[in-house]
Amino acid sequence: MIATYDTYSVDNICFWLQVLIRAGVIFRVVFCLVKIIITDEESAKYRKRIINAVGFLVLSEIVFAIKNIVLTYYS
């Protein structure tokens, strides 16, 4: 038996996940920038966290792009 799904629901869930991920990364970067301004002695740690957050954003965008390509190809 082949499982069927509603593409509107999947696309809607993925859209809101992308919105939450982007907003979370933006808030994380802003938080780290504020912490860099406040505490200079821990700036290297927060710069690394900013790089990791941006890397996570890029990776998540790639995953969603691959999902869209696969759904387009098999639809």
PDB file of N, CA and C in Angstrom:
ATOM      1  N   MET A   1       0.838  -1.168   0.000  1.00  0.00           N
ATOM      2  CA  MET A   1       0.000   0.000   0.000  1.00  0.00           C
ATOM      3  C   MET A   1       0.890   1.240   0.000  1.00  0.00           C
ATOM      4  N   ILE A   2       0.626   2.146  -0.898  1.00  0.00           N
ATOM      5  CA  ILE A   2       1.395   3.384  -0.999  1.00  0.00           C
ATOM      6  C   ILE A   2       0.724   4.450  -0.140  1.00  0.00           C
ATOM      7  N   ALA A   3       1.514   5.082   0.695  1.00  0.00           N
ATOM      8  CA  ALA A   3       0.980   6.135   1.551  1.00  0.00           C
ATOM      9  C   ALA A   3       0.793   7.404   0.732  1.00  0.00           C
ATOM     10  N   THR A   4      -0.347   8.012   0.874  1.00  0.00           N
ATOM     11  CA  THR A   4      -0.598   9.293   0.203  1.00  0.00           C
ATOM     12  C   THR A   4      -0.634  10.388   1.249  1.00  0.00           C
ATOM     13  N   TYR A   5      -0.365  11.579   0.823  1.00  0.00           N
ATOM     14  CA  TYR A   5      -0.379  12.710   1.739  1.00  0.00           C
ATOM     15  C   TYR A   5      -0.900  13.932   1.003  1.00  0.00           C
ATOM     16  N   ASP A   6      -1.330  14.873   1.762  1.00  0.00           N
ATOM     17  CA  ASP A   6      -1.834  16.120   1.225  1.00  0.00           C
ATOM     18  C   ASP A   6      -0.656  17.066   1.034  1.00  0.00           C
ATOM     19  N   THR A   7      -0.345  17.419  -0.212  1.00  0.00           N
ATOM     20  CA  THR A   7       0.823  18.272  -0.460  1.00  0.00           C
ATOM     21  C   THR A   7       0.645  19.666   0.116  1.00  0.00           C
ATOM     22  N   TYR A   8      -0.592  20.124   0.208  1.00  0.00           N
ATOM     23  CA  TYR A   8      -0.819  21.441   0.799  1.00  0.00           C
ATOM     24  C   TYR A   8      -0.396  21.447   2.259  1.00  0.00           C
ATOM     25  N   SER A   9      -0.714  20.396   2.989  1.00  0.00           N
ATOM     26  CA  SER A   9      -0.338  20.319   4.401  1.00  0.00           C
ATOM     27  C   SER A   9       1.178  20.252   4.562  1.00  0.00           C
ATOM     28  N   VAL A  10       1.827  19.446   3.747  1.00  0.00           N
ATOM     29  CA  VAL A  10       3.283  19.328   3.831  1.00  0.00           C
ATOM     30  C   VAL A  10       3.943  20.659   3.494  1.00  0.00           C
ATOM     31  N   ASP A  11       3.481  21.297   2.437  1.00  0.00           N
ATOM     32  CA  ASP A  11       4.050  22.597   2.058  1.00  0.00           C
ATOM     33  C   ASP A  11       3.795  23.653   3.120  1.00  0.00           C
ATOM     34  N   ASN A  12       2.622  23.611   3.730  1.00  0.00           N
ATOM     35  CA  ASN A  12       2.281  24.577   4.773  1.00  0.00           C
ATOM     36  C   ASN A  12       3.171  24.375   6.004  1.00  0.00           C
ATOM     37  N   ILE A  13       3.344  23.133   6.412  1.00  0.00           N
ATOM     38  CA  ILE A  13       4.214  22.836   7.556  1.00  0.00           C
ATOM     39  C   ILE A  13       5.649  23.260   7.265  1.00  0.00           C
ATOM     40  N   CYS A  14       6.130  22.939   6.077  1.00  0.00           N
ATOM     41  CA  CYS A  14       7.504  23.307   5.712  1.00  0.00           C
ATOM     42  C   CYS A  14       7.691  24.817   5.648  1.00  0.00           C
ATOM     43  N   PHE A  15       6.686  25.523   5.149  1.00  0.00           N
ATOM     44  CA  PHE A  15       6.773  26.984   5.105  1.00  0.00           C
ATOM     45  C   PHE A  15       6.930  27.554   6.507  1.00  0.00           C
ATOM     46  N   TRP A  16       6.093  27.085   7.447  1.00  0.00           N
ATOM     47  CA  TRP A  16       6.162  27.622   8.809  1.00  0.00           C
ATOM     48  C   TRP A  16       7.430  27.186   9.522  1.00  0.00           C
ATOM     49  N   LEU A  17       7.946  26.013   9.198  1.00  0.00           N
ATOM     50  CA  LEU A  17       9.243  25.617   9.760  1.00  0.00           C
ATOM     51  C   LEU A  17      10.353  26.533   9.267  1.00  0.00           C
ATOM     52  N   GLN A  18      10.311  26.868   7.976  1.00  0.00           N
ATOM     53  CA  GLN A  18      11.315  27.790   7.434  1.00  0.00           C
ATOM     54  C   GLN A  18      11.215  29.158   8.109  1.00  0.00           C
ATOM     55  N   VAL A  19      10.012  29.639   8.318  1.00  0.00           N
ATOM     56  CA  VAL A  19       9.828  30.934   8.982  1.00  0.00           C
ATOM     57  C   VAL A  19      10.399  30.885  10.395  1.00  0.00           C
ATOM     58  N   LEU A  20      10.099  29.814  11.147  1.00  0.00           N
ATOM     59  CA  LEU A  20      10.602  29.692  12.515  1.00  0.00           C
ATOM     60  C   LEU A  20      12.121  29.562  12.553  1.00  0.00           C
ATOM     61  N   ILE A  21      12.691  28.812  11.627  1.00  0.00           N
ATOM     62  CA  ILE A  21      14.143  28.655  11.595  1.00  0.00           C
ATOM     63  C   ILE A  21      14.817  29.987  11.293  1.00  0.00           C
ATOM     64  N   ARG A  22      14.315  30.697  10.289  1.00  0.00           N
ATOM     65  CA  ARG A  22      14.907  31.995   9.941  1.00  0.00           C
ATOM     66  C   ARG A  22      14.796  32.985  11.096  1.00  0.00           C
ATOM     67  N   ALA A  23      13.631  33.038  11.725  1.00  0.00           N
ATOM     68  CA  ALA A  23      13.446  33.963  12.846  1.00  0.00           C
ATOM     69  C   ALA A  23      14.358  33.578  14.013  1.00  0.00           C
ATOM     70  N   GLY A  24      14.483  32.297  14.282  1.00  0.00           N
ATOM     71  CA  GLY A  24      15.353  31.837  15.365  1.00  0.00           C
ATOM     72  C   GLY A  24      16.806  32.187  15.123  1.00  0.00           C
ATOM     73  N   VAL A  25      17.258  32.023  13.888  1.00  0.00           N
ATOM     74  CA  VAL A  25      18.646  32.364  13.571  1.00  0.00           C
ATOM     75  C   VAL A  25      18.872  33.868  13.680  1.00  0.00           C
ATOM     76  N   ILE A  26      17.919  34.651  13.216  1.00  0.00           N
ATOM     77  CA  ILE A  26      18.061  36.110  13.320  1.00  0.00           C
ATOM     78  C   ILE A  26      18.135  36.532  14.778  1.00  0.00           C
ATOM     79  N   PHE A  27      17.254  35.989  15.618  1.00  0.00           N
ATOM     80  CA  PHE A  27      17.285  36.340  17.037  1.00  0.00           C
ATOM     81  C   PHE A  27      18.577  35.867  17.696  1.00  0.00           C
ATOM     82  N   ARG A  28      19.077  34.692  17.293  1.00  0.00           N
ATOM     83  CA  ARG A  28      20.320  34.167  17.863  1.00  0.00           C
ATOM     84  C   ARG A  28      21.503  35.067  17.486  1.00  0.00           C
ATOM     85  N   VAL A  29      21.555  35.507  16.242  1.00  0.00           N
ATOM     86  CA  VAL A  29      22.651  36.378  15.800  1.00  0.00           C
ATOM     87  C   VAL A  29      22.580  37.719  16.522  1.00  0.00           C
ATOM     88  N   VAL A  30      21.392  38.285  16.644  1.00  0.00           N
ATOM     89  CA  VAL A  30      21.244  39.562  17.352  1.00  0.00           C
ATOM     90  C   VAL A  30      21.641  39.410  18.810  1.00  0.00           C
ATOM     91  N   PHE A  31      21.219  38.322  19.457  1.00  0.00           N
ATOM     92  CA  PHE A  31      21.584  38.068  20.847  1.00  0.00           C
ATOM     93  C   PHE A  31      23.102  37.966  21.003  1.00  0.00           C
ATOM     94  N   CYS A  32      23.736  37.227  20.107  1.00  0.00           N
ATOM     95  CA  CYS A  32      25.197  37.080  20.188  1.00  0.00           C
ATOM     96  C   CYS A  32      25.909  38.400  19.932  1.00  0.00           C
ATOM     97  N   LEU A  33      25.392  39.216  19.011  1.00  0.00           N
ATOM     98  CA  LEU A  33      26.002  40.525  18.765  1.00  0.00           C
ATOM     99  C   LEU A  33      25.894  41.415  19.993  1.00  0.00           C
ATOM    100  N   VAL A  34      24.762  41.370  20.666  1.00  0.00           N
ATOM    101  CA  VAL A  34      24.592  42.158  21.889  1.00  0.00           C
ATOM    102  C   VAL A  34      25.569  41.666  22.955  1.00  0.00           C
ATOM    103  N   LYS A  35      25.717  40.352  23.084  1.00  0.00           N
ATOM    104  CA  LYS A  35      26.650  39.804  24.070  1.00  0.00           C
ATOM    105  C   LYS A  35      28.098  40.163  23.732  1.00  0.00           C
ATOM    106  N   ILE A  36      28.440  40.245  22.458  1.00  0.00           N
ATOM    107  CA  ILE A  36      29.787  40.664  22.057  1.00  0.00           C
ATOM    108  C   ILE A  36      30.025  42.111  22.475  1.00  0.00           C
ATOM    109  N   ILE A  37      29.020  42.958  22.288  1.00  0.00           N
ATOM    110  CA  ILE A  37      29.160  44.368  22.662  1.00  0.00           C
ATOM    111  C   ILE A  37      29.308  44.508  24.177  1.00  0.00           C
ATOM    112  N   ILE A  38      28.533  43.714  24.935  1.00  0.00           N
ATOM    113  CA  ILE A  38      28.542  43.842  26.390  1.00  0.00           C
ATOM    114  C   ILE A  38      29.813  43.264  27.000  1.00  0.00           C
ATOM    115  N   THR A  39      30.189  42.051  26.594  1.00  0.00           N
ATOM    116  CA  THR A  39      31.357  41.378  27.179  1.00  0.00           C
ATOM    117  C   THR A  39      32.409  41.153  26.110  1.00  0.00           C
ATOM    118  N   ASP A  40      33.479  41.899  26.177  1.00  0.00           N
ATOM    119  CA  ASP A  40      34.544  41.783  25.184  1.00  0.00           C
ATOM    120  C   ASP A  40      35.400  40.536  25.386  1.00  0.00           C
ATOM    121  N   GLU A  41      35.526  40.060  26.620  1.00  0.00           N
ATOM    122  CA  GLU A  41      36.421  38.931  26.867  1.00  0.00           C
ATOM    123  C   GLU A  41      35.873  37.609  26.311  1.00  0.00           C
ATOM    124  N   GLU A  42      34.575  37.528  26.047  1.00  0.00           N
ATOM    125  CA  GLU A  42      33.990  36.310  25.500  1.00  0.00           C
ATOM    126  C   GLU A  42      33.555  36.479  24.047  1.00  0.00           C
ATOM    127  N   SER A  43      34.138  37.443  23.346  1.00  0.00           N
ATOM    128  CA  SER A  43      33.693  37.728  21.984  1.00  0.00           C
ATOM    129  C   SER A  43      34.019  36.600  21.017  1.00  0.00           C
ATOM    130  N   ALA A  44      35.118  35.879  21.224  1.00  0.00           N
ATOM    131  CA  ALA A  44      35.472  34.777  20.326  1.00  0.00           C
ATOM    132  C   ALA A  44      34.427  33.660  20.397  1.00  0.00           C
ATOM    133  N   LYS A  45      33.921  33.402  21.591  1.00  0.00           N
ATOM    134  CA  LYS A  45      32.908  32.365  21.770  1.00  0.00           C
ATOM    135  C   LYS A  45      31.618  32.736  21.042  1.00  0.00           C
ATOM    136  N   TYR A  46      31.227  33.993  21.135  1.00  0.00           N
ATOM    137  CA  TYR A  46      29.980  34.409  20.506  1.00  0.00           C
ATOM    138  C   TYR A  46      30.128  34.547  18.990  1.00  0.00           C
ATOM    139  N   ARG A  47      31.314  34.881  18.514  1.00  0.00           N
ATOM    140  CA  ARG A  47      31.536  34.894  17.060  1.00  0.00           C
ATOM    141  C   ARG A  47      31.401  33.489  16.489  1.00  0.00           C
ATOM    142  N   LYS A  48      31.925  32.504  17.205  1.00  0.00           N
ATOM    143  CA  LYS A  48      31.802  31.114  16.783  1.00  0.00           C
ATOM    144  C   LYS A  48      30.332  30.694  16.771  1.00  0.00           C
ATOM    145  N   ARG A  49      29.559  31.141  17.744  1.00  0.00           N
ATOM    146  CA  ARG A  49      28.133  30.814  17.785  1.00  0.00           C
ATOM    147  C   ARG A  49      27.371  31.452  16.628  1.00  0.00           C
ATOM    148  N   ILE A  50      27.776  32.659  16.234  1.00  0.00           N
ATOM    149  CA  ILE A  50      27.155  33.308  15.077  1.00  0.00           C
ATOM    150  C   ILE A  50      27.451  32.517  13.815  1.00  0.00           C
ATOM    151  N   ILE A  51      28.687  32.091  13.654  1.00  0.00           N
ATOM    152  CA  ILE A  51      29.064  31.294  12.481  1.00  0.00           C
ATOM    153  C   ILE A  51      28.269  29.989  12.447  1.00  0.00           C
ATOM    154  N   ASN A  52      28.111  29.344  13.609  1.00  0.00           N
ATOM    155  CA  ASN A  52      27.343  28.102  13.666  1.00  0.00           C
ATOM    156  C   ASN A  52      25.870  28.332  13.331  1.00  0.00           C
ATOM    157  N   ALA A  53      25.303  29.434  13.790  1.00  0.00           N
ATOM    158  CA  ALA A  53      23.902  29.729  13.505  1.00  0.00           C
ATOM    159  C   ALA A  53      23.684  29.981  12.013  1.00  0.00           C
ATOM    160  N   VAL A  54      24.587  30.727  11.400  1.00  0.00           N
ATOM    161  CA  VAL A  54      24.471  30.986   9.962  1.00  0.00           C
ATOM    162  C   VAL A  54      24.676  29.694   9.175  1.00  0.00           C
ATOM    163  N   GLY A  55      25.593  28.862   9.623  1.00  0.00           N
ATOM    164  CA  GLY A  55      25.794  27.563   8.977  1.00  0.00           C
ATOM    165  C   GLY A  55      24.556  26.691   9.068  1.00  0.00           C
ATOM    166  N   PHE A  56      23.889  26.707  10.216  1.00  0.00           N
ATOM    167  CA  PHE A  56      22.640  25.964  10.368  1.00  0.00           C
ATOM    168  C   PHE A  56      21.577  26.491   9.418  1.00  0.00           C
ATOM    169  N   LEU A  57      21.507  27.809   9.260  1.00  0.00           N
ATOM    170  CA  LEU A  57      20.525  28.395   8.349  1.00  0.00           C
ATOM    171  C   LEU A  57      20.787  27.941   6.913  1.00  0.00           C
ATOM    172  N   VAL A  58      22.035  27.961   6.500  1.00  0.00           N
ATOM    173  CA  VAL A  58      22.379  27.528   5.142  1.00  0.00           C
ATOM    174  C   VAL A  58      22.026  26.056   4.956  1.00  0.00           C
ATOM    175  N   LEU A  59      22.371  25.229   5.928  1.00  0.00           N
ATOM    176  CA  LEU A  59      22.072  23.803   5.833  1.00  0.00           C
ATOM    177  C   LEU A  59      20.567  23.549   5.770  1.00  0.00           C
ATOM    178  N   SER A  60      19.798  24.251   6.568  1.00  0.00           N
ATOM    179  CA  SER A  60      18.345  24.049   6.541  1.00  0.00           C
ATOM    180  C   SER A  60      17.742  24.516   5.225  1.00  0.00           C
ATOM    181  N   GLU A  61      18.252  25.596   4.661  1.00  0.00           N
ATOM    182  CA  GLU A  61      17.749  26.058   3.367  1.00  0.00           C
ATOM    183  C   GLU A  61      18.061  25.042   2.272  1.00  0.00           C
ATOM    184  N   ILE A  62      19.233  24.411   2.340  1.00  0.00           N
ATOM    185  CA  ILE A  62      19.586  23.381   1.368  1.00  0.00           C
ATOM    186  C   ILE A  62      18.649  22.186   1.494  1.00  0.00           C
ATOM    187  N   VAL A  63      18.339  21.783   2.720  1.00  0.00           N
ATOM    188  CA  VAL A  63      17.431  20.654   2.934  1.00  0.00           C
ATOM    189  C   VAL A  63      16.052  20.955   2.363  1.00  0.00           C
ATOM    190  N   PHE A  64      15.530  22.146   2.597  1.00  0.00           N
ATOM    191  CA  PHE A  64      14.212  22.493   2.071  1.00  0.00           C
ATOM    192  C   PHE A  64      14.241  22.613   0.547  1.00  0.00           C
ATOM    193  N   ALA A  65      15.342  23.067  -0.015  1.00  0.00           N
ATOM    194  CA  ALA A  65      15.448  23.138  -1.475  1.00  0.00           C
ATOM    195  C   ALA A  65      15.452  21.740  -2.079  1.00  0.00           C
ATOM    196  N   ILE A  66      16.170  20.811  -1.457  1.00  0.00           N
ATOM    197  CA  ILE A  66      16.180  19.432  -1.941  1.00  0.00           C
ATOM    198  C   ILE A  66      14.790  18.816  -1.818  1.00  0.00           C
ATOM    199  N   LYS A  67      14.101  19.093  -0.717  1.00  0.00           N
ATOM    200  CA  LYS A  67      12.727  18.598  -0.551  1.00  0.00           C
ATOM    201  C   LYS A  67      11.833  19.100  -1.671  1.00  0.00           C
ATOM    202  N   ASN A  68      11.959  20.382  -2.013  1.00  0.00           N
ATOM    203  CA  ASN A  68      11.138  20.941  -3.096  1.00  0.00           C
ATOM    204  C   ASN A  68      11.472  20.311  -4.441  1.00  0.00           C
ATOM    205  N   ILE A  69      12.741  20.054  -4.689  1.00  0.00           N
ATOM    206  CA  ILE A  69      13.151  19.421  -5.946  1.00  0.00           C
ATOM    207  C   ILE A  69      12.582  18.005  -6.035  1.00  0.00           C
ATOM    208  N   VAL A  70      12.669  17.253  -4.953  1.00  0.00           N
ATOM    209  CA  VAL A  70      12.161  15.882  -4.950  1.00  0.00           C
ATOM    210  C   VAL A  70      10.651  15.858  -5.131  1.00  0.00           C
ATOM    211  N   LEU A  71       9.929  16.729  -4.416  1.00  0.00           N
ATOM    212  CA  LEU A  71       8.477  16.761  -4.567  1.00  0.00           C
ATOM    213  C   LEU A  71       8.074  17.197  -5.966  1.00  0.00           C
ATOM    214  N   THR A  72       8.797  18.116  -6.559  1.00  0.00           N
ATOM    215  CA  THR A  72       8.492  18.548  -7.922  1.00  0.00           C
ATOM    216  C   THR A  72       8.769  17.432  -8.910  1.00  0.00           C
ATOM    217  N   TYR A  73       9.848  16.703  -8.713  1.00  0.00           N
ATOM    218  CA  TYR A  73      10.224  15.643  -9.645  1.00  0.00           C
ATOM    219  C   TYR A  73       9.223  14.499  -9.601  1.00  0.00           C
ATOM    220  N   TYR A  74       8.776  14.103  -8.425  1.00  0.00           N
ATOM    221  CA  TYR A  74       7.888  12.949  -8.298  1.00  0.00           C
ATOM    222  C   TYR A  74       6.408  13.303  -8.341  1.00  0.00           C
ATOM    223  N   SER A  75       6.062  14.572  -8.497  1.00  0.00           N
ATOM    224  CA  SER A  75       4.641  14.945  -8.545  1.00  0.00           C
ATOM    225  C   SER A  75       4.129  14.922  -9.959  1.00  0.00           C
TER     226      SER A  75
END
